[in-house]
């Protein structure tokens, strides 16, 4: 397993999110990989992490899910992978005390590269589907809580996320109603809906 810290669009390392590349053993019959190992993951993130919920979504090309976050007292960290298709996966730092507050990292996760993105507590998460269909699986460190769930505007100019929209052939992303109406980062800060 290879673990890589990610850089923001400005080139700064953002502490927390990790891009994890498992070792893949392949031959003419197909491949084998270890998608989860508690001991190796804990070593990579530097602390024991318990996952309590697994989620699975299927999306068509152009679907943009996010940016989603769960606040205290029910925050979630997420270990995200895309075993079918391809997505552009994003994590946004919502920790006010962090030097990288409001910055984002992104990575293409696909069935080809088998990579996983660790999105720790304190980060919003979202993805854009780039293939005809994609299935995204993620392990969550906390249970879903409607009372704690929030969305952040995907195209907030203050975040300036470089979504690869050119891969949609001119189409607009398809959003859930809650994501289309999500507040900006400034509005979330004003409402106290970020982390300390």
C-alpha atoms as a PDB file:
ATOM      1  CA  UNK A   1       0.000   0.000   0.000  1.00  0.00           C
ATOM      2  CA  UNK A   2       1.308   3.426  -0.990  1.00  0.00           C
ATOM      3  CA  UNK A   3       0.160   6.522   0.898  1.00  0.00           C
ATOM      4  CA  UNK A   4       0.481  10.058  -0.444  1.00  0.00           C
ATOM      5  CA  UNK A   5      -0.326  13.408   1.137  1.00  0.00           C
ATOM      6  CA  UNK A   6      -2.143  15.718  -1.276  1.00  0.00           C
ATOM      7  CA  UNK A   7      -1.523  19.333  -2.264  1.00  0.00           C
ATOM      8  CA  UNK A   8      -4.095  22.078  -2.697  1.00  0.00           C
ATOM      9  CA  UNK A   9      -4.456  24.025  -5.947  1.00  0.00           C
ATOM     10  CA  UNK A  10      -1.943  26.531  -4.515  1.00  0.00           C
ATOM     11  CA  UNK A  11       0.590  23.727  -4.052  1.00  0.00           C
ATOM     12  CA  UNK A  12       0.409  23.612  -0.249  1.00  0.00           C
ATOM     13  CA  UNK A  13       0.251  20.245   1.503  1.00  0.00           C
ATOM     14  CA  UNK A  14      -3.054  19.789   3.307  1.00  0.00           C
ATOM     15  CA  UNK A  15      -2.758  17.800   6.495  1.00  0.00           C
ATOM     16  CA  UNK A  16      -5.382  15.077   6.793  1.00  0.00           C
ATOM     17  CA  UNK A  17      -6.567  13.743   3.427  1.00  0.00           C
ATOM     18  CA  UNK A  18      -4.518  10.875   2.016  1.00  0.00           C
ATOM     19  CA  UNK A  19      -4.458   9.189  -1.384  1.00  0.00           C
ATOM     20  CA  UNK A  20      -4.043   5.454  -0.837  1.00  0.00           C
ATOM     21  CA  UNK A  21      -2.932   3.126  -3.621  1.00  0.00           C
ATOM     22  CA  UNK A  22      -3.265  -0.576  -2.806  1.00  0.00           C
ATOM     23  CA  UNK A  23      -0.918  -3.165  -4.214  1.00  0.00           C
ATOM     24  CA  UNK A  24      -2.689  -4.898  -7.097  1.00  0.00           C
ATOM     25  CA  UNK A  25      -1.707  -8.426  -8.128  1.00  0.00           C
ATOM     26  CA  UNK A  26      -2.812  -9.102 -11.694  1.00  0.00           C
ATOM     27  CA  UNK A  27      -2.389 -11.776 -14.329  1.00  0.00           C
ATOM     28  CA  UNK A  28      -4.318 -13.176 -17.310  1.00  0.00           C
ATOM     29  CA  UNK A  29      -7.125 -14.305 -14.965  1.00  0.00           C
ATOM     30  CA  UNK A  30      -7.795 -10.838 -13.535  1.00  0.00           C
ATOM     31  CA  UNK A  31      -6.548  -9.179 -10.354  1.00  0.00           C
ATOM     32  CA  UNK A  32      -6.556  -9.315  -6.574  1.00  0.00           C
ATOM     33  CA  UNK A  33      -6.134  -6.452  -4.136  1.00  0.00           C
ATOM     34  CA  UNK A  34      -6.610  -5.895  -0.450  1.00  0.00           C
ATOM     35  CA  UNK A  35      -9.116  -3.017  -0.284  1.00  0.00           C
ATOM     36  CA  UNK A  36      -9.102  -2.749   3.512  1.00  0.00           C
ATOM     37  CA  UNK A  37      -6.641  -3.598   6.278  1.00  0.00           C
ATOM     38  CA  UNK A  38      -7.226  -2.067   9.723  1.00  0.00           C
ATOM     39  CA  UNK A  39      -3.585  -2.275  10.849  1.00  0.00           C
ATOM     40  CA  UNK A  40      -2.182  -0.710   7.669  1.00  0.00           C
ATOM     41  CA  UNK A  41      -4.817   2.023   7.586  1.00  0.00           C
ATOM     42  CA  UNK A  42      -4.274   2.971  11.229  1.00  0.00           C
ATOM     43  CA  UNK A  43      -0.540   3.148  10.540  1.00  0.00           C
ATOM     44  CA  UNK A  44      -1.120   5.382   7.499  1.00  0.00           C
ATOM     45  CA  UNK A  45      -3.367   7.875   9.315  1.00  0.00           C
ATOM     46  CA  UNK A  46      -1.413   7.686  12.571  1.00  0.00           C
ATOM     47  CA  UNK A  47      -4.338   6.770  14.824  1.00  0.00           C
ATOM     48  CA  UNK A  48      -6.868   3.992  15.311  1.00  0.00           C
ATOM     49  CA  UNK A  49      -9.970   4.581  13.187  1.00  0.00           C
ATOM     50  CA  UNK A  50     -13.187   2.658  13.628  1.00  0.00           C
ATOM     51  CA  UNK A  51     -15.617   2.466  10.725  1.00  0.00           C
ATOM     52  CA  UNK A  52     -19.278   1.946  11.591  1.00  0.00           C
ATOM     53  CA  UNK A  53     -21.087   2.257   8.266  1.00  0.00           C
ATOM     54  CA  UNK A  54     -20.455   1.355   4.609  1.00  0.00           C
ATOM     55  CA  UNK A  55     -22.184   3.328   1.837  1.00  0.00           C
ATOM     56  CA  UNK A  56     -22.574   2.546  -1.873  1.00  0.00           C
ATOM     57  CA  UNK A  57     -23.810   4.899  -4.589  1.00  0.00           C
ATOM     58  CA  UNK A  58     -24.274   4.554  -8.321  1.00  0.00           C
ATOM     59  CA  UNK A  59     -24.294   7.645 -10.540  1.00  0.00           C
ATOM     60  CA  UNK A  60     -24.448   8.443 -14.235  1.00  0.00           C
ATOM     61  CA  UNK A  61     -22.082  10.767 -16.125  1.00  0.00           C
ATOM     62  CA  UNK A  62     -22.292  14.346 -14.925  1.00  0.00           C
ATOM     63  CA  UNK A  63     -23.817  13.627 -11.509  1.00  0.00           C
ATOM     64  CA  UNK A  64     -22.138  15.774  -8.877  1.00  0.00           C
ATOM     65  CA  UNK A  65     -22.722  14.670  -5.290  1.00  0.00           C
ATOM     66  CA  UNK A  66     -21.682  17.101  -2.591  1.00  0.00           C
ATOM     67  CA  UNK A  67     -20.110  18.854  -1.056  1.00  0.00           C
ATOM     68  CA  UNK A  68     -21.331  17.028   2.076  1.00  0.00           C
ATOM     69  CA  UNK A  69     -20.146  17.142   5.670  1.00  0.00           C
ATOM     70  CA  UNK A  70     -21.424  16.030   9.058  1.00  0.00           C
ATOM     71  CA  UNK A  71     -20.804  18.403  11.944  1.00  0.00           C
ATOM     72  CA  UNK A  72     -20.424  17.710  15.663  1.00  0.00           C
ATOM     73  CA  UNK A  73     -21.669  15.832  17.569  1.00  0.00           C
ATOM     74  CA  UNK A  74     -21.866  13.180  14.797  1.00  0.00           C
ATOM     75  CA  UNK A  75     -18.929  13.908  12.451  1.00  0.00           C
ATOM     76  CA  UNK A  76     -17.808  11.429   9.795  1.00  0.00           C
ATOM     77  CA  UNK A  77     -14.489  10.562   8.239  1.00  0.00           C
ATOM     78  CA  UNK A  78     -14.785   8.706   4.919  1.00  0.00           C
ATOM     79  CA  UNK A  79     -12.550   6.265   3.066  1.00  0.00           C
ATOM     80  CA  UNK A  80     -13.748   6.546  -0.547  1.00  0.00           C
ATOM     81  CA  UNK A  81     -13.106   4.321  -3.570  1.00  0.00           C
ATOM     82  CA  UNK A  82     -14.596   3.842  -7.035  1.00  0.00           C
ATOM     83  CA  UNK A  83     -14.499   0.154  -8.079  1.00  0.00           C
ATOM     84  CA  UNK A  84     -16.690   0.768 -11.165  1.00  0.00           C
ATOM     85  CA  UNK A  85     -16.113   3.710 -13.503  1.00  0.00           C
ATOM     86  CA  UNK A  86     -14.347   6.987 -12.740  1.00  0.00           C
ATOM     87  CA  UNK A  87     -15.005  10.024 -10.536  1.00  0.00           C
ATOM     88  CA  UNK A  88     -13.203  13.219  -9.591  1.00  0.00           C
ATOM     89  CA  UNK A  89     -13.234  13.143  -5.794  1.00  0.00           C
ATOM     90  CA  UNK A  90     -12.776  16.260  -3.640  1.00  0.00           C
ATOM     91  CA  UNK A  91     -12.148  17.082   0.031  1.00  0.00           C
ATOM     92  CA  UNK A  92     -12.468  20.652   1.376  1.00  0.00           C
ATOM     93  CA  UNK A  93     -10.858  21.674   4.679  1.00  0.00           C
ATOM     94  CA  UNK A  94     -13.518  23.089   7.035  1.00  0.00           C
ATOM     95  CA  UNK A  95     -11.296  23.284  10.135  1.00  0.00           C
ATOM     96  CA  UNK A  96     -11.155  26.981  11.143  1.00  0.00           C
ATOM     97  CA  UNK A  97      -7.930  26.423  13.116  1.00  0.00           C
ATOM     98  CA  UNK A  98      -6.179  24.884  10.098  1.00  0.00           C
ATOM     99  CA  UNK A  99      -3.708  26.823   7.949  1.00  0.00           C
ATOM    100  CA  UNK A 100      -5.450  25.231   4.940  1.00  0.00           C
ATOM    101  CA  UNK A 101      -9.000  26.236   5.943  1.00  0.00           C
ATOM    102  CA  UNK A 102     -11.160  26.596   2.815  1.00  0.00           C
ATOM    103  CA  UNK A 103      -8.635  24.862   0.554  1.00  0.00           C
ATOM    104  CA  UNK A 104      -9.367  21.668  -1.350  1.00  0.00           C
ATOM    105  CA  UNK A 105      -7.648  18.592  -2.714  1.00  0.00           C
ATOM    106  CA  UNK A 106      -8.893  16.352  -5.491  1.00  0.00           C
ATOM    107  CA  UNK A 107      -8.036  13.053  -7.122  1.00  0.00           C
ATOM    108  CA  UNK A 108      -9.412  10.862  -9.880  1.00  0.00           C
ATOM    109  CA  UNK A 109     -10.591   7.583  -8.373  1.00  0.00           C
ATOM    110  CA  UNK A 110     -11.344   4.793 -10.807  1.00  0.00           C
ATOM    111  CA  UNK A 111     -11.609   1.087 -11.420  1.00  0.00           C
ATOM    112  CA  UNK A 112      -8.351   1.451 -13.351  1.00  0.00           C
ATOM    113  CA  UNK A 113      -6.173   3.060 -10.660  1.00  0.00           C
ATOM    114  CA  UNK A 114      -7.944   1.414  -7.647  1.00  0.00           C
ATOM    115  CA  UNK A 115      -6.969   4.406  -5.494  1.00  0.00           C
ATOM    116  CA  UNK A 116      -8.815   5.469  -2.356  1.00  0.00           C
ATOM    117  CA  UNK A 117      -9.175   8.910  -0.783  1.00  0.00           C
ATOM    118  CA  UNK A 118      -9.204   9.290   2.992  1.00  0.00           C
ATOM    119  CA  UNK A 119     -11.421  12.276   3.875  1.00  0.00           C
ATOM    120  CA  UNK A 120     -10.972  12.816   7.632  1.00  0.00           C
ATOM    121  CA  UNK A 121     -13.359  14.476  10.063  1.00  0.00           C
ATOM    122  CA  UNK A 122     -13.339  18.235   9.457  1.00  0.00           C
ATOM    123  CA  UNK A 123     -13.579  18.022   5.671  1.00  0.00           C
ATOM    124  CA  UNK A 124     -16.490  18.316   3.242  1.00  0.00           C
ATOM    125  CA  UNK A 125     -16.594  15.672   0.510  1.00  0.00           C
ATOM    126  CA  UNK A 126     -17.992  15.475  -3.001  1.00  0.00           C
ATOM    127  CA  UNK A 127     -17.432  13.887  -6.389  1.00  0.00           C
ATOM    128  CA  UNK A 128     -18.228  14.358 -10.071  1.00  0.00           C
ATOM    129  CA  UNK A 129     -18.968  11.268 -12.174  1.00  0.00           C
ATOM    130  CA  UNK A 130     -16.746  11.199 -15.285  1.00  0.00           C
ATOM    131  CA  UNK A 131     -17.627   7.794 -16.784  1.00  0.00           C
ATOM    132  CA  UNK A 132     -20.984   6.656 -18.208  1.00  0.00           C
ATOM    133  CA  UNK A 133     -21.746   5.204 -14.784  1.00  0.00           C
ATOM    134  CA  UNK A 134     -19.712   4.949 -11.610  1.00  0.00           C
ATOM    135  CA  UNK A 135     -20.145   3.184  -8.318  1.00  0.00           C
ATOM    136  CA  UNK A 136     -18.603   4.752  -5.245  1.00  0.00           C
ATOM    137  CA  UNK A 137     -18.094   2.855  -2.001  1.00  0.00           C
ATOM    138  CA  UNK A 138     -17.075   4.498   1.209  1.00  0.00           C
ATOM    139  CA  UNK A 139     -16.499   3.494   4.763  1.00  0.00           C
ATOM    140  CA  UNK A 140     -17.725   6.042   7.317  1.00  0.00           C
ATOM    141  CA  UNK A 141     -16.312   6.552  10.801  1.00  0.00           C
ATOM    142  CA  UNK A 142     -19.653   7.860  12.113  1.00  0.00           C
ATOM    143  CA  UNK A 143     -23.299   7.056  11.575  1.00  0.00           C
ATOM    144  CA  UNK A 144     -25.350   9.219   9.220  1.00  0.00           C
ATOM    145  CA  UNK A 145     -27.198  11.933  11.105  1.00  0.00           C
ATOM    146  CA  UNK A 146     -29.739  14.116   9.322  1.00  0.00           C
ATOM    147  CA  UNK A 147     -29.493  16.689  12.126  1.00  0.00           C
ATOM    148  CA  UNK A 148     -25.714  17.051  11.629  1.00  0.00           C
ATOM    149  CA  UNK A 149     -25.560  16.772   7.828  1.00  0.00           C
ATOM    150  CA  UNK A 150     -24.781  19.926   5.840  1.00  0.00           C
ATOM    151  CA  UNK A 151     -23.973  20.744   2.209  1.00  0.00           C
ATOM    152  CA  UNK A 152     -21.610  23.332   0.815  1.00  0.00           C
ATOM    153  CA  UNK A 153     -21.987  24.944  -2.613  1.00  0.00           C
ATOM    154  CA  UNK A 154     -19.989  22.927  -5.158  1.00  0.00           C
ATOM    155  CA  UNK A 155     -19.163  25.972  -7.318  1.00  0.00           C
ATOM    156  CA  UNK A 156     -18.437  28.540  -4.599  1.00  0.00           C
ATOM    157  CA  UNK A 157     -15.944  30.983  -6.190  1.00  0.00           C
ATOM    158  CA  UNK A 158     -14.145  31.305  -2.842  1.00  0.00           C
ATOM    159  CA  UNK A 159     -13.338  27.580  -2.997  1.00  0.00           C
ATOM    160  CA  UNK A 160     -12.513  27.683  -6.727  1.00  0.00           C
ATOM    161  CA  UNK A 161     -12.578  23.898  -7.121  1.00  0.00           C
ATOM    162  CA  UNK A 162     -11.222  22.929 -10.533  1.00  0.00           C
ATOM    163  CA  UNK A 163     -13.931  20.396 -11.377  1.00  0.00           C
ATOM    164  CA  UNK A 164     -13.102  18.745 -14.749  1.00  0.00           C
ATOM    165  CA  UNK A 165     -16.347  19.975 -16.312  1.00  0.00           C
ATOM    166  CA  UNK A 166     -14.796  19.870 -19.791  1.00  0.00           C
ATOM    167  CA  UNK A 167     -15.142  16.084 -19.591  1.00  0.00           C
ATOM    168  CA  UNK A 168     -18.938  16.491 -19.613  1.00  0.00           C
ATOM    169  CA  UNK A 169     -18.956  17.756 -23.207  1.00  0.00           C
ATOM    170  CA  UNK A 170     -20.624  21.062 -22.332  1.00  0.00           C
ATOM    171  CA  UNK A 171     -23.336  19.586 -20.106  1.00  0.00           C
ATOM    172  CA  UNK A 172     -24.034  21.062 -16.677  1.00  0.00           C
ATOM    173  CA  UNK A 173     -23.528  18.838 -13.608  1.00  0.00           C
ATOM    174  CA  UNK A 174     -26.643  17.064 -12.310  1.00  0.00           C
ATOM    175  CA  UNK A 175     -27.304  18.006  -8.681  1.00  0.00           C
ATOM    176  CA  UNK A 176     -29.676  16.970  -5.913  1.00  0.00           C
ATOM    177  CA  UNK A 177     -31.974  19.790  -4.810  1.00  0.00           C
ATOM    178  CA  UNK A 178     -30.167  20.140  -1.460  1.00  0.00           C
ATOM    179  CA  UNK A 179     -26.809  20.487  -3.226  1.00  0.00           C
ATOM    180  CA  UNK A 180     -28.138  23.041  -5.711  1.00  0.00           C
ATOM    181  CA  UNK A 181     -29.390  25.165  -2.784  1.00  0.00           C
ATOM    182  CA  UNK A 182     -26.304  24.694  -0.578  1.00  0.00           C
ATOM    183  CA  UNK A 183     -24.708  27.717   1.085  1.00  0.00           C
ATOM    184  CA  UNK A 184     -21.297  29.156   0.272  1.00  0.00           C
ATOM    185  CA  UNK A 185     -18.326  28.724   2.608  1.00  0.00           C
ATOM    186  CA  UNK A 186     -18.803  32.303   3.867  1.00  0.00           C
ATOM    187  CA  UNK A 187     -22.458  31.560   4.662  1.00  0.00           C
ATOM    188  CA  UNK A 188     -21.490  28.323   6.447  1.00  0.00           C
ATOM    189  CA  UNK A 189     -18.915  30.220   8.526  1.00  0.00           C
ATOM    190  CA  UNK A 190     -21.479  32.921   9.403  1.00  0.00           C
ATOM    191  CA  UNK A 191     -23.914  30.184  10.519  1.00  0.00           C
ATOM    192  CA  UNK A 192     -21.212  28.497  12.633  1.00  0.00           C
ATOM    193  CA  UNK A 193     -21.395  25.382  10.468  1.00  0.00           C
ATOM    194  CA  UNK A 194     -17.672  24.596  10.272  1.00  0.00           C
ATOM    195  CA  UNK A 195     -15.228  22.907  12.630  1.00  0.00           C
ATOM    196  CA  UNK A 196     -13.147  24.662  15.305  1.00  0.00           C
END
